[in-house]
Amino acid sequence: MTGVRKIRGGALLARALKEKGIEHVFTLSGGFCNPALEGFMECQMKVVNCPHEQVAGHLADGHTRITRKPAVCLVGPEGFANAVPAMMEAWGERSPVIFVTGSSTLKRQGAGGFKEIDDVAIAGPLTKYSVSITDGERIGEFVDRAYKTAINGYPGAVHLSLPVDIMFSSFSEDAGRAERPFELSAEAPARAWPEPQRLQQVLAKVAAAKRPILIGGHGVWWAGAEQQLEEAGRKLGIPVFNVPYHQKLLSEQSAAYMGLADIHQYHPSKDAFGEADLVLMVGGRLDNQMNFGNPPLFPRGAELVCVNGSHEEVDFNRAADMTLLSDPGAFLDALVSLGDTARDGRDAAWLDHNRQRRSEWVAKMHADVDAEASTAEFGGRIHPLHLALDVQQAMQDNDWLVIDGGNTHFWSEIAVNMAGFEGRKLGGVLHPGTFSLLGVGVSFALSAKNLNPDKNVVLISGDGAFLSGGLSIETAFQENRPITVVIDNNGGLDCISQQQERLFESGRHFATDFRDIPFHTMFEGLGGHGELVTRREDIIPAMKRAFASGKTACVNVKAKGVISPIVLATTSKRDKASIE
């Protein structure tokens, strides 16, 4: 009689993840994780070896955001500490990344084992589920729990810690197979359907509103409901806005899309919110970005209704005048079904009025930046908004844009709205999330290139942001995924220095300057293409040469530090010890 084949715990882990449809693993290979890596190799899963654990985490996060399917970040115990910033970034954006730690021995837990760290406790506040696998026979069960927790309800990162003695020990190949669930392949996330009576109350409010607005949040993205959002706005004549710090939900060419729900980065949103009688937020949170639902962002006279796909989000949005538990797609389908009758009592010019304001805003922004950049103070240096606009002009339709940095991020957000209104059709946009974490740009750009190998992927990064995560550029060379990195090089942490100059009594900045760093020659030294740009008229030609090189490229642009509108507004509030 032939005995049951035995395999290591790491191989059981790999097999369980493979059965869930996981296709990509990002790691910095370490000894603690070798059995899992062998398992991934045998399962023929794509493993990307990275120069740093934080890079591995950001790559897994970027891949997950684009595909809306979980990816894995695998690290050792000492590398876990390096991966924590990536875990925080994923948590802020509700990205269901599966973090796996090869951890110290379970047998001697608490006795000072080799590289022992309480990774479960550290990850707890930054994940939906953080647990140590204490029995090798239950590895499949823990993977099943983690996967379902990550994708259901309020999506988010999860963490599994696999002790090294379980990782290396051998178990029956059929371990855990005798218990339910017998079907181990991935299931679609459970969706909350709205209570009919409460749904009708919300739909009645929409039908009665004269000047409603729609704000789409993260939940719309993770539900895959962008088309329903666009259709609802267009058919019902409702202006649609996007929660800041998240990849765009709608094409900039959508007739209903107006821009960010941010009165600083998109000034007309202030007028729209101030005049609205109904604010309908779908899949969003009433956090600091939304002023916690309070005036003056949302005036007392406007009714605020929040629709969310999980009870956690509904509970979080306690400040709303009314909440509805519903999958965003299910709710938006019901909204679309109202049809033309929902426009009967609407101000007929409401949508057109908001589009006209957007047109006027774009023209004013062009005029203002042109006038500012022509002053003697600029001395011929390049305005960051001009830089962001010119970079997009050099791009082709459906190319991907990634943004990283402080002021660089915010000026680029403004440029995306302006260029989109004028016809630029981007394939996608990625940038730091809720925590404005620097150093994510290269990893996110690599994620976009990995999934869109035939498109140009451009990263606009501040010099400080690139110094935070630029080491990950080696992965672009290693994986043969050429991207173009544009450095908004203003010689320091300009987002901070601009605040200091307005807050410090001396009017000066401190501890924020860099030396003149030749980023372009760094790329050349690695085998890529590099150019230094000091004049605005050279930006587009340099971009085109970077694309034509077929190499990972750097266009190092000497720009002037200019405080962005949102940072200026935040600075004035910090003077009162508040950033709300």
Protein backbone atom coordinates (compact mmCIF):
# COMPACT_ATOMS: atom_id res chain seq x y z
CA MET A 1 0.00 0.00 0.00
CA THR A 2 1.42 3.33 -1.04
CA GLY A 3 1.68 5.89 1.76
CA VAL A 4 0.34 9.42 1.53
CA ARG A 5 2.94 11.80 0.11
CA LYS A 6 4.22 14.41 2.54
CA ILE A 7 5.12 18.01 1.69
CA ARG A 8 6.47 20.93 3.67
CA GLY A 9 4.26 23.51 5.31
CA GLY A 10 5.55 26.12 2.87
CA ALA A 11 4.33 24.00 -0.02
CA LEU A 12 0.90 23.64 1.62
CA LEU A 13 0.79 27.44 1.89
CA ALA A 14 1.69 27.88 -1.78
CA ARG A 15 -0.88 25.33 -2.89
CA ALA A 16 -3.64 26.93 -0.82
CA LEU A 17 -2.89 30.37 -2.29
CA LYS A 18 -2.76 28.92 -5.82
CA GLU A 19 -6.20 27.38 -5.31
CA LYS A 20 -7.54 30.85 -4.49
CA GLY A 21 -6.38 32.11 -7.87
CA ILE A 22 -3.33 34.02 -6.58
CA GLU A 23 -1.02 34.59 -9.53
CA HIS A 24 1.70 36.94 -8.28
CA VAL A 25 3.97 36.89 -5.25
CA PHE A 26 6.34 39.76 -4.40
CA THR A 27 9.19 39.11 -2.00
CA LEU A 28 12.74 39.65 -0.89
CA SER A 29 13.93 36.04 -0.81
CA GLY A 30 14.98 34.96 2.69
CA GLY A 31 15.88 31.71 4.41
CA PHE A 32 12.77 31.64 6.58
CA CYS A 33 10.62 31.64 3.44
CA ASN A 34 12.48 29.07 1.32
CA PRO A 35 9.89 26.25 1.62
CA ALA A 36 7.16 28.64 0.48
CA LEU A 37 9.31 29.82 -2.41
CA GLU A 38 9.88 26.20 -3.42
CA GLY A 39 6.13 25.70 -3.28
CA PHE A 40 5.47 28.74 -5.45
CA MET A 41 8.02 27.46 -7.95
CA GLU A 42 6.35 24.04 -8.08
CA CYS A 43 2.91 25.68 -8.46
CA GLN A 44 4.33 27.78 -11.32
CA MET A 45 3.34 31.04 -9.67
CA LYS A 46 5.06 34.25 -10.73
CA VAL A 47 7.49 35.41 -8.04
CA VAL A 48 9.14 38.83 -8.27
CA ASN A 49 12.26 39.23 -6.13
CA CYS A 50 12.62 42.82 -4.92
CA PRO A 51 15.53 44.81 -3.43
CA HIS A 52 13.58 45.71 -0.29
CA GLU A 53 10.55 44.39 1.58
CA GLN A 54 8.74 47.73 1.40
CA VAL A 55 9.11 47.59 -2.38
CA ALA A 56 7.62 44.07 -2.36
CA GLY A 57 4.65 45.32 -0.36
CA HIS A 58 4.01 48.29 -2.63
CA LEU A 59 4.28 46.10 -5.74
CA ALA A 60 1.72 43.70 -4.29
CA ASP A 61 -0.51 46.66 -3.41
CA GLY A 62 -0.23 48.26 -6.84
CA HIS A 63 -0.94 44.95 -8.56
CA THR A 64 -3.98 44.41 -6.34
CA ARG A 65 -5.37 47.91 -6.93
CA ILE A 66 -5.23 47.54 -10.69
CA THR A 67 -6.50 43.95 -10.99
CA ARG A 68 -8.83 44.08 -7.98
CA LYS A 69 -7.52 40.60 -7.17
CA PRO A 70 -5.35 39.87 -4.11
CA ALA A 71 -1.60 39.50 -4.56
CA VAL A 72 0.86 38.22 -1.97
CA CYS A 73 3.74 39.97 -0.22
CA LEU A 74 6.05 37.36 1.37
CA VAL A 75 8.73 38.48 3.86
CA GLY A 76 10.89 37.11 6.64
CA PRO A 77 10.64 38.19 10.30
CA GLU A 78 13.21 41.00 10.10
CA GLY A 79 11.81 42.04 6.73
CA PHE A 80 8.34 42.30 8.21
CA ALA A 81 9.33 45.56 9.89
CA ASN A 82 10.37 46.93 6.50
CA ALA A 83 7.02 45.92 5.00
CA VAL A 84 4.94 47.77 7.59
CA PRO A 85 4.77 51.05 5.59
CA ALA A 86 3.41 49.12 2.60
CA MET A 87 0.89 47.45 4.88
CA MET A 88 -0.23 50.87 6.11
CA GLU A 89 -0.58 52.17 2.54
CA ALA A 90 -2.66 49.14 1.52
CA TRP A 91 -4.83 49.49 4.63
CA GLY A 92 -5.58 53.13 3.87
CA GLU A 93 -6.74 52.27 0.35
CA ARG A 94 -8.71 49.12 1.30
CA SER A 95 -6.40 47.04 -0.88
CA PRO A 96 -6.83 43.29 -0.13
CA VAL A 97 -3.15 42.36 -0.17
CA ILE A 98 -2.22 39.11 1.58
CA PHE A 99 0.92 39.67 3.66
CA VAL A 100 2.70 36.47 4.71
CA THR A 101 5.51 36.40 7.25
CA GLY A 102 7.94 33.55 7.70
CA SER A 103 8.30 33.97 11.47
CA SER A 104 10.36 32.67 14.36
CA THR A 105 9.84 29.15 15.70
CA LEU A 106 6.50 28.37 17.34
CA LYS A 107 8.09 25.81 19.68
CA ARG A 108 10.15 28.46 21.48
CA GLN A 109 7.73 31.36 21.12
CA GLY A 110 8.37 34.02 23.76
CA ALA A 111 11.80 32.62 24.64
CA GLY A 112 13.87 34.89 22.39
CA GLY A 113 14.02 32.75 19.30
CA PHE A 114 16.10 33.67 16.26
CA LYS A 115 14.71 36.90 14.78
CA GLU A 116 11.62 36.65 16.98
CA ILE A 117 9.16 39.53 16.57
CA ASP A 118 5.49 39.81 17.48
CA ASP A 119 4.43 40.36 13.90
CA VAL A 120 0.82 39.40 14.61
CA ALA A 121 0.40 42.21 17.15
CA ILE A 122 2.19 44.77 14.98
CA ALA A 123 0.05 43.96 11.95
CA GLY A 124 -3.19 43.85 13.92
CA PRO A 125 -4.12 47.56 13.70
CA LEU A 126 -3.17 47.73 10.00
CA THR A 127 -5.08 44.71 8.72
CA LYS A 128 -8.52 43.16 8.85
CA TYR A 129 -7.10 39.84 10.03
CA SER A 130 -3.71 39.05 11.57
CA VAL A 131 -2.98 35.58 12.93
CA SER A 132 -0.21 33.05 13.52
CA ILE A 133 -0.74 29.62 11.99
CA THR A 134 -0.21 27.29 14.96
CA ASP A 135 -0.98 23.96 13.31
CA GLY A 136 0.38 22.83 9.95
CA GLU A 137 -2.73 20.68 9.37
CA ARG A 138 -4.77 23.92 9.30
CA ILE A 139 -2.69 25.96 6.83
CA GLY A 140 -5.38 25.67 4.14
CA GLU A 141 -8.04 26.75 6.63
CA PHE A 142 -6.13 29.88 7.63
CA VAL A 143 -5.50 30.81 3.99
CA ASP A 144 -9.22 30.36 3.27
CA ARG A 145 -10.17 32.58 6.21
CA ALA A 146 -7.64 35.25 5.26
CA TYR A 147 -8.67 35.34 1.61
CA LYS A 148 -12.39 35.61 2.36
CA THR A 149 -11.79 38.26 5.01
CA ALA A 150 -9.66 40.31 2.60
CA ILE A 151 -12.23 40.52 -0.20
CA ASN A 152 -15.55 40.54 1.65
CA GLY A 153 -17.36 43.50 3.19
CA TYR A 154 -14.90 46.32 3.71
CA PRO A 155 -11.91 45.08 1.59
CA GLY A 156 -8.50 45.26 3.15
CA ALA A 157 -5.11 43.73 3.76
CA VAL A 158 -4.67 40.58 5.86
CA HIS A 159 -1.62 39.02 7.52
CA LEU A 160 -0.62 35.39 8.04
CA SER A 161 2.40 34.49 10.15
CA LEU A 162 3.83 31.02 9.44
CA PRO A 163 6.42 29.96 12.05
CA VAL A 164 9.62 28.55 10.63
CA ASP A 165 9.22 25.13 12.28
CA ILE A 166 5.81 24.72 10.63
CA MET A 167 7.14 26.18 7.38
CA PHE A 168 9.87 23.51 7.17
CA SER A 169 8.03 20.56 8.73
CA SER A 170 6.36 17.93 6.57
CA PHE A 171 2.64 17.18 6.55
CA SER A 172 0.34 14.92 4.61
CA GLU A 173 -0.36 16.24 1.17
CA ASP A 174 -4.08 15.96 1.88
CA ALA A 175 -3.86 17.85 5.20
CA GLY A 176 -7.17 19.55 5.96
CA ARG A 177 -8.94 18.02 2.96
CA ALA A 178 -11.31 15.90 5.06
CA GLU A 179 -13.20 18.93 6.40
CA ARG A 180 -15.48 21.46 4.77
CA PRO A 181 -15.30 23.47 2.65
CA PHE A 182 -14.44 20.80 0.08
CA GLU A 183 -14.50 23.33 -2.75
CA LEU A 184 -11.39 25.45 -2.23
CA SER A 185 -11.36 27.71 -5.28
CA ALA A 186 -11.99 31.43 -4.85
CA GLU A 187 -15.55 32.67 -4.52
CA ALA A 188 -16.78 36.08 -5.57
CA PRO A 189 -17.18 38.51 -2.65
CA ALA A 190 -20.51 38.49 -0.87
CA ARG A 191 -22.61 41.50 -1.81
CA ALA A 192 -25.04 43.32 0.46
CA TRP A 193 -28.42 43.89 -1.15
CA PRO A 194 -30.36 46.96 0.03
CA GLU A 195 -33.41 46.72 2.23
CA PRO A 196 -36.25 47.50 -0.25
CA GLN A 197 -38.11 50.03 1.90
CA ARG A 198 -34.98 51.97 2.81
CA LEU A 199 -33.78 51.87 -0.81
CA GLN A 200 -37.05 53.40 -1.96
CA GLN A 201 -36.63 56.20 0.57
CA VAL A 202 -33.21 57.07 -0.87
CA LEU A 203 -34.45 56.85 -4.47
CA ALA A 204 -37.34 59.14 -3.60
CA LYS A 205 -34.89 61.71 -2.27
CA VAL A 206 -32.92 61.53 -5.52
CA ALA A 207 -36.08 61.92 -7.61
CA ALA A 208 -37.17 64.95 -5.58
CA ALA A 209 -33.78 66.69 -5.53
CA LYS A 210 -33.32 69.77 -7.70
CA ARG A 211 -29.53 69.97 -7.41
CA PRO A 212 -28.09 66.57 -6.38
CA ILE A 213 -24.43 65.55 -6.60
CA LEU A 214 -22.79 62.12 -6.54
CA ILE A 215 -19.46 61.43 -4.81
CA GLY A 216 -17.82 58.10 -5.67
CA GLY A 217 -15.40 56.52 -3.23
CA HIS A 218 -13.18 53.48 -2.84
CA GLY A 219 -16.13 51.14 -2.50
CA VAL A 220 -17.21 51.86 -6.08
CA TRP A 221 -13.78 50.76 -7.35
CA TRP A 222 -13.61 47.55 -5.34
CA ALA A 223 -17.17 46.69 -6.36
CA GLY A 224 -16.25 47.20 -10.02
CA ALA A 225 -19.13 49.62 -10.37
CA GLU A 226 -17.51 52.54 -12.23
CA GLN A 227 -19.70 52.08 -15.33
CA GLN A 228 -22.87 52.18 -13.25
CA LEU A 229 -21.62 55.35 -11.55
CA GLU A 230 -20.98 57.02 -14.90
CA GLU A 231 -24.34 55.87 -16.27
CA ALA A 232 -26.20 57.13 -13.21
CA GLY A 233 -24.59 60.55 -13.45
CA ARG A 234 -25.12 60.84 -17.20
CA LYS A 235 -28.69 59.52 -17.42
CA LEU A 236 -29.96 61.29 -14.34
CA GLY A 237 -28.06 64.51 -14.99
CA ILE A 238 -26.13 64.39 -11.71
CA PRO A 239 -22.59 65.84 -11.45
CA VAL A 240 -20.12 63.17 -10.26
CA PHE A 241 -17.08 63.85 -8.11
CA ASN A 242 -14.25 61.56 -7.01
CA VAL A 243 -12.92 61.09 -3.49
CA PRO A 244 -9.32 62.40 -3.35
CA TYR A 245 -6.28 60.14 -2.94
CA HIS A 246 -7.66 57.28 -5.00
CA GLN A 247 -7.27 56.06 -8.56
CA LYS A 248 -9.83 57.68 -10.82
CA LEU A 249 -13.24 56.03 -11.04
CA LEU A 250 -14.36 57.70 -14.27
CA SER A 251 -12.78 58.81 -17.49
CA GLU A 252 -12.08 62.50 -17.55
CA GLN A 253 -14.17 62.61 -20.74
CA SER A 254 -17.34 61.45 -18.99
CA ALA A 255 -20.11 63.98 -19.47
CA ALA A 256 -21.03 63.69 -15.79
CA TYR A 257 -17.54 63.70 -14.26
CA MET A 258 -16.41 67.02 -12.78
CA GLY A 259 -13.26 66.33 -10.79
CA LEU A 260 -12.09 65.76 -7.26
CA ALA A 261 -14.38 66.32 -4.33
CA ASP A 262 -11.78 68.75 -3.03
CA ILE A 263 -12.42 72.47 -2.78
CA HIS A 264 -8.69 73.26 -2.97
CA GLN A 265 -7.57 71.10 -5.88
CA TYR A 266 -10.79 71.62 -7.79
CA HIS A 267 -12.29 74.96 -6.78
CA PRO A 268 -15.69 74.58 -8.54
CA SER A 269 -16.52 71.69 -6.19
CA LYS A 270 -16.97 74.30 -3.44
CA ASP A 271 -19.71 75.99 -5.45
CA ALA A 272 -21.34 72.68 -6.34
CA PHE A 273 -21.41 71.49 -2.74
CA GLY A 274 -22.64 74.85 -1.54
CA GLU A 275 -25.58 74.84 -3.95
CA ALA A 276 -26.50 71.14 -3.72
CA ASP A 277 -29.67 70.09 -1.93
CA LEU A 278 -28.68 66.40 -1.87
CA VAL A 279 -25.19 64.93 -1.50
CA LEU A 280 -25.11 61.22 -2.31
CA MET A 281 -21.82 59.56 -1.34
CA VAL A 282 -21.40 55.99 -2.58
CA GLY A 283 -18.61 53.79 -1.22
CA GLY A 284 -16.88 56.62 0.62
CA ARG A 285 -16.02 57.56 4.18
CA LEU A 286 -16.79 60.75 6.06
CA ASP A 287 -13.19 61.14 7.20
CA ASN A 288 -10.87 64.16 7.27
CA GLN A 289 -10.89 64.37 3.45
CA MET A 290 -14.65 64.90 3.62
CA ASN A 291 -14.45 67.19 6.68
CA PHE A 292 -16.21 64.42 8.63
CA GLY A 293 -19.42 65.31 6.83
CA ASN A 294 -19.58 68.77 8.36
CA PRO A 295 -20.00 72.34 7.09
CA PRO A 296 -18.60 74.23 5.35
CA LEU A 297 -17.79 71.37 2.94
CA PHE A 298 -21.31 70.02 3.16
CA PRO A 299 -23.66 72.89 4.12
CA ARG A 300 -26.31 72.40 6.76
CA GLY A 301 -29.02 72.91 4.14
CA ALA A 302 -27.90 69.94 2.03
CA GLU A 303 -29.06 66.42 2.92
CA LEU A 304 -26.15 63.97 3.16
CA VAL A 305 -26.85 60.32 2.30
CA CYS A 306 -24.13 57.64 2.44
CA VAL A 307 -24.39 54.26 0.70
CA ASN A 308 -21.84 51.64 1.71
CA GLY A 309 -21.33 47.95 1.04
CA SER A 310 -20.37 46.88 4.56
CA HIS A 311 -21.73 47.48 8.03
CA GLU A 312 -18.28 48.76 9.13
CA GLU A 313 -18.53 51.63 6.66
CA VAL A 314 -22.15 52.36 7.54
CA ASP A 315 -21.20 52.57 11.22
CA PHE A 316 -18.24 54.81 10.35
CA ASN A 317 -20.53 57.24 8.51
CA ARG A 318 -22.65 58.03 11.55
CA ALA A 319 -22.59 61.75 10.67
CA ALA A 320 -24.73 61.18 7.57
CA ASP A 321 -28.36 62.27 7.62
CA MET A 322 -29.25 58.83 6.23
CA THR A 323 -27.29 55.67 5.50
CA LEU A 324 -28.01 52.66 3.31
CA LEU A 325 -26.28 49.28 3.50
CA SER A 326 -25.89 48.19 -0.11
CA ASP A 327 -23.31 46.98 -2.56
CA PRO A 328 -22.43 50.09 -4.61
CA GLY A 329 -23.19 48.35 -7.89
CA ALA A 330 -26.60 47.16 -6.71
CA PHE A 331 -27.52 50.64 -5.53
CA LEU A 332 -26.30 52.35 -8.70
CA ASP A 333 -28.28 49.88 -10.83
CA ALA A 334 -31.38 50.85 -8.88
CA LEU A 335 -30.52 54.51 -9.34
CA VAL A 336 -30.18 54.10 -13.11
CA SER A 337 -33.54 52.31 -13.20
CA LEU A 338 -35.23 55.55 -12.14
CA GLY A 339 -34.72 56.68 -15.73
CA ASP A 340 -35.70 60.06 -17.12
CA THR A 341 -38.50 60.50 -14.60
CA ALA A 342 -35.89 61.30 -11.96
CA ARG A 343 -35.04 64.48 -13.88
CA ASP A 344 -38.58 65.87 -13.90
CA GLY A 345 -38.12 68.10 -10.87
CA ARG A 346 -34.43 68.79 -11.49
CA ASP A 347 -32.98 72.18 -12.30
CA ALA A 348 -32.61 71.61 -16.04
CA ALA A 349 -29.28 73.39 -16.29
CA TRP A 350 -27.71 71.84 -13.17
CA LEU A 351 -25.33 69.43 -14.94
CA ASP A 352 -24.51 71.89 -17.73
CA HIS A 353 -23.89 74.63 -15.19
CA ASN A 354 -21.29 72.47 -13.44
CA ARG A 355 -19.64 71.55 -16.74
CA GLN A 356 -19.43 75.23 -17.64
CA ARG A 357 -17.79 75.98 -14.32
CA ARG A 358 -15.27 73.24 -15.01
CA SER A 359 -14.50 74.76 -18.41
CA GLU A 360 -14.02 78.20 -16.86
CA TRP A 361 -11.82 76.74 -14.13
CA VAL A 362 -9.53 75.05 -16.68
CA ALA A 363 -9.13 78.31 -18.62
CA LYS A 364 -8.46 80.27 -15.43
CA MET A 365 -5.88 77.76 -14.20
CA HIS A 366 -4.00 78.01 -17.51
CA ALA A 367 -4.06 81.80 -17.38
CA ASP A 368 -3.00 81.97 -13.73
CA VAL A 369 -0.08 79.56 -14.04
CA ASP A 370 1.14 81.21 -17.25
CA ALA A 371 1.07 84.61 -15.56
CA GLU A 372 2.78 83.34 -12.41
CA ALA A 373 5.54 81.52 -14.30
CA SER A 374 6.33 84.62 -16.36
CA THR A 375 7.18 86.75 -13.33
CA ALA A 376 10.74 87.75 -12.52
CA GLU A 377 10.57 85.63 -9.36
CA PHE A 378 10.53 82.46 -11.48
CA GLY A 379 13.65 83.45 -13.43
CA GLY A 380 12.81 81.06 -16.25
CA ARG A 381 12.41 78.07 -13.95
CA ILE A 382 9.62 75.57 -14.62
CA HIS A 383 6.32 75.67 -12.73
CA PRO A 384 5.31 72.19 -11.43
CA LEU A 385 1.87 72.56 -13.02
CA HIS A 386 3.45 73.30 -16.41
CA LEU A 387 5.65 70.24 -15.89
CA ALA A 388 2.66 68.00 -15.14
CA LEU A 389 0.65 69.35 -18.11
CA ASP A 390 3.54 68.95 -20.56
CA VAL A 391 4.24 65.39 -19.43
CA GLN A 392 0.64 64.43 -20.17
CA GLN A 393 0.78 66.19 -23.52
CA ALA A 394 3.71 63.96 -24.48
CA MET A 395 1.78 60.81 -23.52
CA GLN A 396 -0.48 58.78 -25.81
CA ASP A 397 -4.08 57.79 -25.17
CA ASN A 398 -4.37 54.92 -22.67
CA ASP A 399 -0.85 55.39 -21.30
CA TRP A 400 -0.63 55.11 -17.51
CA LEU A 401 0.28 57.96 -15.18
CA VAL A 402 1.66 57.42 -11.68
CA ILE A 403 2.24 60.26 -9.22
CA ASP A 404 4.41 60.36 -6.09
CA GLY A 405 5.29 63.19 -3.75
CA GLY A 406 3.83 66.07 -1.79
CA ASN A 407 3.30 69.22 -3.85
CA THR A 408 4.24 67.16 -6.93
CA HIS A 409 1.26 64.90 -6.25
CA PHE A 410 -1.19 67.74 -5.76
CA TRP A 411 -0.12 69.78 -8.80
CA SER A 412 -0.31 66.61 -10.91
CA GLU A 413 -3.83 65.90 -9.63
CA ILE A 414 -4.87 69.35 -10.84
CA ALA A 415 -3.17 68.74 -14.19
CA VAL A 416 -5.01 65.43 -14.67
CA ASN A 417 -8.35 67.24 -14.39
CA MET A 418 -7.27 70.00 -16.76
CA ALA A 419 -5.71 67.71 -19.38
CA GLY A 420 -8.62 65.30 -19.20
CA PHE A 421 -11.13 68.05 -19.87
CA GLU A 422 -9.07 68.96 -22.93
CA GLY A 423 -9.07 65.41 -24.31
CA ARG A 424 -6.26 63.40 -22.71
CA LYS A 425 -7.45 59.81 -22.21
CA LEU A 426 -5.29 58.08 -19.65
CA GLY A 427 -5.38 54.32 -19.23
CA GLY A 428 -5.21 54.74 -15.47
CA VAL A 429 -3.87 56.84 -12.63
CA LEU A 430 -2.17 55.63 -9.46
CA HIS A 431 -0.75 57.64 -6.56
CA PRO A 432 -0.28 57.59 -2.78
CA GLY A 433 -3.42 57.03 -0.80
CA THR A 434 -4.90 58.32 2.43
CA PHE A 435 -1.57 58.55 4.24
CA SER A 436 0.27 60.44 1.44
CA LEU A 437 3.15 57.98 1.86
CA LEU A 438 6.24 58.95 -0.14
CA GLY A 439 8.16 56.36 -2.12
CA VAL A 440 5.31 54.31 -3.62
CA GLY A 441 5.68 55.69 -7.15
CA VAL A 442 8.26 53.39 -8.74
CA SER A 443 6.56 50.28 -7.35
CA PHE A 444 3.13 51.41 -8.55
CA ALA A 445 4.55 52.28 -11.98
CA LEU A 446 6.09 48.82 -12.21
CA SER A 447 2.73 47.30 -11.31
CA ALA A 448 1.06 49.28 -14.09
CA LYS A 449 3.75 48.28 -16.60
CA ASN A 450 3.60 44.65 -15.59
CA LEU A 451 -0.11 44.60 -16.39
CA ASN A 452 0.10 46.94 -19.42
CA PRO A 453 3.40 46.01 -21.09
CA ASP A 454 2.48 47.62 -24.43
CA LYS A 455 1.69 51.04 -22.95
CA ASN A 456 3.96 53.84 -21.80
CA VAL A 457 3.96 54.12 -18.03
CA VAL A 458 5.09 57.49 -16.69
CA LEU A 459 5.89 58.32 -13.09
CA ILE A 460 6.03 61.96 -12.03
CA SER A 461 7.94 61.92 -8.76
CA GLY A 462 9.20 64.60 -6.46
CA ASP A 463 12.91 64.37 -5.72
CA GLY A 464 12.17 63.59 -2.07
CA ALA A 465 9.68 60.90 -3.01
CA PHE A 466 12.18 59.27 -5.36
CA LEU A 467 14.82 59.25 -2.64
CA SER A 468 12.29 57.47 -0.40
CA GLY A 469 11.62 54.58 -2.77
CA GLY A 470 13.86 54.93 -5.80
CA LEU A 471 15.89 51.80 -5.05
CA SER A 472 12.98 49.83 -6.45
CA ILE A 473 13.94 51.07 -9.94
CA GLU A 474 16.37 48.14 -10.13
CA THR A 475 13.33 45.84 -10.37
CA ALA A 476 12.34 47.59 -13.61
CA PHE A 477 15.70 46.60 -15.09
CA GLN A 478 15.64 43.12 -13.56
CA GLU A 479 12.13 42.36 -14.85
CA ASN A 480 12.66 44.16 -18.18
CA ARG A 481 9.73 46.48 -17.56
CA PRO A 482 10.86 49.88 -18.89
CA ILE A 483 9.12 52.86 -17.32
CA THR A 484 9.79 56.58 -17.62
CA VAL A 485 10.45 58.49 -14.41
CA VAL A 486 10.07 62.28 -14.48
CA ILE A 487 11.71 63.91 -11.47
CA ASP A 488 10.13 67.18 -10.32
CA ASN A 489 13.49 68.30 -8.99
CA ASN A 490 13.09 71.37 -6.80
CA GLY A 491 16.07 70.61 -4.58
CA GLY A 492 14.40 69.50 -1.37
CA LEU A 493 11.30 68.52 0.54
CA ASP A 494 9.44 71.45 -0.94
CA CYS A 495 6.03 70.53 0.45
CA ILE A 496 7.50 70.90 3.94
CA SER A 497 9.79 73.88 3.30
CA GLN A 498 6.88 75.87 1.83
CA GLN A 499 4.91 75.26 5.01
CA GLN A 500 7.86 76.20 7.19
CA GLU A 501 8.36 79.51 5.39
CA ARG A 502 4.76 80.43 6.19
CA LEU A 503 4.73 79.17 9.76
CA PHE A 504 8.19 79.87 11.16
CA GLU A 505 8.63 83.32 12.63
CA SER A 506 11.89 83.73 10.67
CA GLY A 507 10.12 83.07 7.36
CA ARG A 508 12.83 80.55 6.47
CA HIS A 509 12.84 76.79 5.97
CA PHE A 510 15.05 74.35 7.84
CA ALA A 511 16.39 70.78 7.33
CA THR A 512 14.59 70.26 4.02
CA ASP A 513 17.23 70.95 1.33
CA PHE A 514 19.01 68.41 -0.88
CA ARG A 515 22.23 68.75 -2.82
CA ASP A 516 22.03 68.86 -6.62
CA ILE A 517 21.42 65.18 -7.29
CA PRO A 518 22.05 63.93 -10.88
CA PHE A 519 19.15 61.49 -11.01
CA HIS A 520 19.44 61.11 -14.79
CA THR A 521 23.02 59.84 -14.59
CA MET A 522 21.96 57.30 -11.97
CA PHE A 523 19.66 55.74 -14.57
CA GLU A 524 22.39 55.82 -17.18
CA GLY A 525 24.71 54.00 -14.79
CA LEU A 526 22.13 51.24 -14.35
CA GLY A 527 21.88 50.82 -18.12
CA GLY A 528 18.93 53.12 -18.76
CA HIS A 529 18.29 56.42 -20.51
CA GLY A 530 18.69 59.78 -18.78
CA GLU A 531 18.29 63.47 -19.61
CA LEU A 532 18.53 66.72 -17.69
CA VAL A 533 15.91 69.35 -18.57
CA THR A 534 16.20 72.99 -17.47
CA ARG A 535 13.80 74.70 -19.93
CA ARG A 536 10.09 74.09 -20.33
CA GLU A 537 10.26 73.83 -24.13
CA ASP A 538 12.57 70.81 -23.76
CA ILE A 539 10.19 68.69 -21.64
CA ILE A 540 8.08 67.16 -24.43
CA PRO A 541 11.04 66.37 -26.75
CA ALA A 542 12.87 64.76 -23.82
CA MET A 543 9.80 62.67 -23.01
CA LYS A 544 9.53 61.45 -26.57
CA ARG A 545 13.21 60.47 -26.62
CA ALA A 546 12.72 58.59 -23.36
CA PHE A 547 9.82 56.61 -24.85
CA ALA A 548 11.76 55.93 -28.05
CA SER A 549 14.79 54.60 -26.14
CA GLY A 550 12.87 51.51 -25.07
CA LYS A 551 14.75 51.68 -21.77
CA THR A 552 13.86 52.54 -18.23
CA ALA A 553 14.42 56.28 -18.39
CA CYS A 554 14.74 59.36 -16.23
CA VAL A 555 13.85 62.89 -17.30
CA ASN A 556 15.33 65.03 -14.53
CA VAL A 557 13.51 68.39 -14.64
CA LYS A 558 14.78 71.39 -12.70
CA ALA A 559 11.58 72.96 -11.43
CA LYS A 560 10.70 75.74 -9.02
CA GLY A 561 9.12 74.86 -5.71
CA VAL A 562 5.57 76.25 -5.65
CA ILE A 563 3.15 75.55 -2.83
CA SER A 564 0.00 73.78 -3.99
CA PRO A 565 -3.47 75.09 -3.06
CA ILE A 566 -4.26 72.21 -0.72
CA VAL A 567 -0.96 72.47 1.15
CA LEU A 568 -1.43 76.24 1.45
CA ALA A 569 -4.87 75.67 2.97
CA THR A 570 -3.53 72.99 5.30
CA THR A 571 -0.71 75.27 6.41
CA SER A 572 -3.09 77.99 7.53
CA LYS A 573 -4.95 75.45 9.64
CA ARG A 574 -1.79 74.00 11.13
CA ASP A 575 -1.16 77.45 12.55
CA LYS A 576 -4.17 76.66 14.73
CA ALA A 577 -2.77 73.21 15.62
CA SER A 578 -5.26 71.43 13.37
CA ILE A 579 -5.14 69.78 9.96
CA GLU A 580 -8.81 68.84 9.83
